[in-house]
Amino acid sequence: MSDKRGKPRQRVLKAGTIEFGGGAIDCTVRNVSDGGAALDVTSPIGIPERFMLVVSDGTQRACRVMWRKEKRIGVKFE
């Protein structure tokens, strides 16, 4: 099985918030690399293509959605 990611990801389990245009949605960061992350969400509906990810460890990253599944989205850091 080949991995399409440019950089290996580290598994994590951290609380996060997807912030955009005055709104916010809770998420869980499941894995992360220098270039992106996978986020568990209740539903990907209503999450814009670009947003700010704020992680419980204080990290803030601008993100762009690369893919969406039923309860998970993959993002690239901008």
C-alpha atoms as a PDB file:
ATOM      1  CA  MET A   1       0.000   0.000   0.000  1.00  0.00           C
ATOM      2  CA  SER A   2       1.493   3.379  -0.961  1.00  0.00           C
ATOM      3  CA  ASP A   3       1.138   6.544   1.079  1.00  0.00           C
ATOM      4  CA  LYS A   4       0.302   9.662  -0.953  1.00  0.00           C
ATOM      5  CA  ARG A   5       1.432  12.030   1.787  1.00  0.00           C
ATOM      6  CA  GLY A   6       4.583  14.041   1.170  1.00  0.00           C
ATOM      7  CA  LYS A   7       5.612  13.808   4.819  1.00  0.00           C
ATOM      8  CA  PRO A   8       5.018  11.117   7.453  1.00  0.00           C
ATOM      9  CA  ARG A   9       2.400  11.900  10.076  1.00  0.00           C
ATOM     10  CA  GLN A  10       2.600  11.344  13.808  1.00  0.00           C
ATOM     11  CA  ARG A  11      -0.446   9.945  15.589  1.00  0.00           C
ATOM     12  CA  VAL A  12      -1.857  12.271  18.229  1.00  0.00           C
ATOM     13  CA  LEU A  13      -5.100  12.745  20.124  1.00  0.00           C
ATOM     14  CA  LYS A  14      -5.612  16.432  20.887  1.00  0.00           C
ATOM     15  CA  ALA A  15      -8.685  18.621  21.205  1.00  0.00           C
ATOM     16  CA  GLY A  16      -8.959  21.364  18.613  1.00  0.00           C
ATOM     17  CA  THR A  17     -11.242  24.062  17.283  1.00  0.00           C
ATOM     18  CA  ILE A  18     -11.933  24.937  13.650  1.00  0.00           C
ATOM     19  CA  GLU A  19     -12.412  28.719  13.584  1.00  0.00           C
ATOM     20  CA  PHE A  20     -13.815  30.667  10.637  1.00  0.00           C
ATOM     21  CA  GLY A  21     -15.754  33.877  10.030  1.00  0.00           C
ATOM     22  CA  GLY A  22     -16.924  34.242  13.605  1.00  0.00           C
ATOM     23  CA  GLY A  23     -17.918  30.564  13.913  1.00  0.00           C
ATOM     24  CA  ALA A  24     -16.201  27.628  15.595  1.00  0.00           C
ATOM     25  CA  ILE A  25     -16.524  23.836  15.452  1.00  0.00           C
ATOM     26  CA  ASP A  26     -14.877  21.412  17.871  1.00  0.00           C
ATOM     27  CA  CYS A  27     -12.652  18.701  16.437  1.00  0.00           C
ATOM     28  CA  THR A  28     -10.069  16.099  17.441  1.00  0.00           C
ATOM     29  CA  VAL A  29      -6.612  16.146  15.845  1.00  0.00           C
ATOM     30  CA  ARG A  30      -5.831  12.487  15.020  1.00  0.00           C
ATOM     31  CA  ASN A  31      -2.496  12.792  13.236  1.00  0.00           C
ATOM     32  CA  VAL A  32      -0.191  15.610  12.237  1.00  0.00           C
ATOM     33  CA  SER A  33       2.922  16.363  10.159  1.00  0.00           C
ATOM     34  CA  ASP A  34       4.800  19.499   9.198  1.00  0.00           C
ATOM     35  CA  GLY A  35       2.495  19.822   6.204  1.00  0.00           C
ATOM     36  CA  GLY A  36      -0.962  18.870   7.434  1.00  0.00           C
ATOM     37  CA  ALA A  37      -3.273  16.910   9.694  1.00  0.00           C
ATOM     38  CA  ALA A  38      -6.319  14.658   9.896  1.00  0.00           C
ATOM     39  CA  LEU A  39      -9.199  15.948  11.992  1.00  0.00           C
ATOM     40  CA  ASP A  40     -12.186  14.052  13.367  1.00  0.00           C
ATOM     41  CA  VAL A  41     -15.396  16.101  13.225  1.00  0.00           C
ATOM     42  CA  THR A  42     -19.053  15.425  13.990  1.00  0.00           C
ATOM     43  CA  SER A  43     -19.863  16.305  10.371  1.00  0.00           C
ATOM     44  CA  PRO A  44     -17.781  17.917   7.608  1.00  0.00           C
ATOM     45  CA  ILE A  45     -20.873  19.821   6.432  1.00  0.00           C
ATOM     46  CA  GLY A  46     -20.534  23.543   7.027  1.00  0.00           C
ATOM     47  CA  ILE A  47     -16.759  23.510   7.365  1.00  0.00           C
ATOM     48  CA  PRO A  48     -15.312  25.966   4.825  1.00  0.00           C
ATOM     49  CA  GLU A  49     -12.392  25.167   2.489  1.00  0.00           C
ATOM     50  CA  ARG A  50     -10.063  27.435   4.514  1.00  0.00           C
ATOM     51  CA  PHE A  51     -10.019  28.012   8.267  1.00  0.00           C
ATOM     52  CA  MET A  52      -7.812  28.471  11.334  1.00  0.00           C
ATOM     53  CA  LEU A  53      -7.099  25.358  13.411  1.00  0.00           C
ATOM     54  CA  VAL A  54      -6.514  26.070  17.113  1.00  0.00           C
ATOM     55  CA  VAL A  55      -5.144  23.076  19.052  1.00  0.00           C
ATOM     56  CA  SER A  56      -5.347  22.570  22.822  1.00  0.00           C
ATOM     57  CA  ASP A  57      -1.526  22.836  23.089  1.00  0.00           C
ATOM     58  CA  GLY A  58      -1.730  26.457  21.880  1.00  0.00           C
ATOM     59  CA  THR A  59      -0.777  25.783  18.266  1.00  0.00           C
ATOM     60  CA  GLN A  60      -2.637  27.813  15.613  1.00  0.00           C
ATOM     61  CA  ARG A  61      -2.371  26.962  11.909  1.00  0.00           C
ATOM     62  CA  ALA A  62      -4.107  28.261   8.810  1.00  0.00           C
ATOM     63  CA  CYS A  63      -5.551  25.241   6.936  1.00  0.00           C
ATOM     64  CA  ARG A  64      -7.001  24.279   3.580  1.00  0.00           C
ATOM     65  CA  VAL A  65      -9.237  21.194   3.276  1.00  0.00           C
ATOM     66  CA  MET A  66      -7.734  18.573   0.938  1.00  0.00           C
ATOM     67  CA  TRP A  67     -10.309  15.787   1.430  1.00  0.00           C
ATOM     68  CA  ARG A  68     -13.497  15.004   3.347  1.00  0.00           C
ATOM     69  CA  LYS A  69     -14.921  11.707   4.568  1.00  0.00           C
ATOM     70  CA  GLU A  70     -17.939  10.918   6.725  1.00  0.00           C
ATOM     71  CA  LYS A  71     -16.462  12.163  10.022  1.00  0.00           C
ATOM     72  CA  ARG A  72     -12.886  13.093   9.125  1.00  0.00           C
ATOM     73  CA  ILE A  73     -11.198  15.785   7.058  1.00  0.00           C
ATOM     74  CA  GLY A  74      -7.624  16.037   5.850  1.00  0.00           C
ATOM     75  CA  VAL A  75      -6.039  19.470   5.825  1.00  0.00           C
ATOM     76  CA  LYS A  76      -2.884  21.030   4.446  1.00  0.00           C
ATOM     77  CA  PHE A  77      -1.206  23.760   6.462  1.00  0.00           C
ATOM     78  CA  GLU A  78      -0.841  27.051   4.600  1.00  0.00           C
END
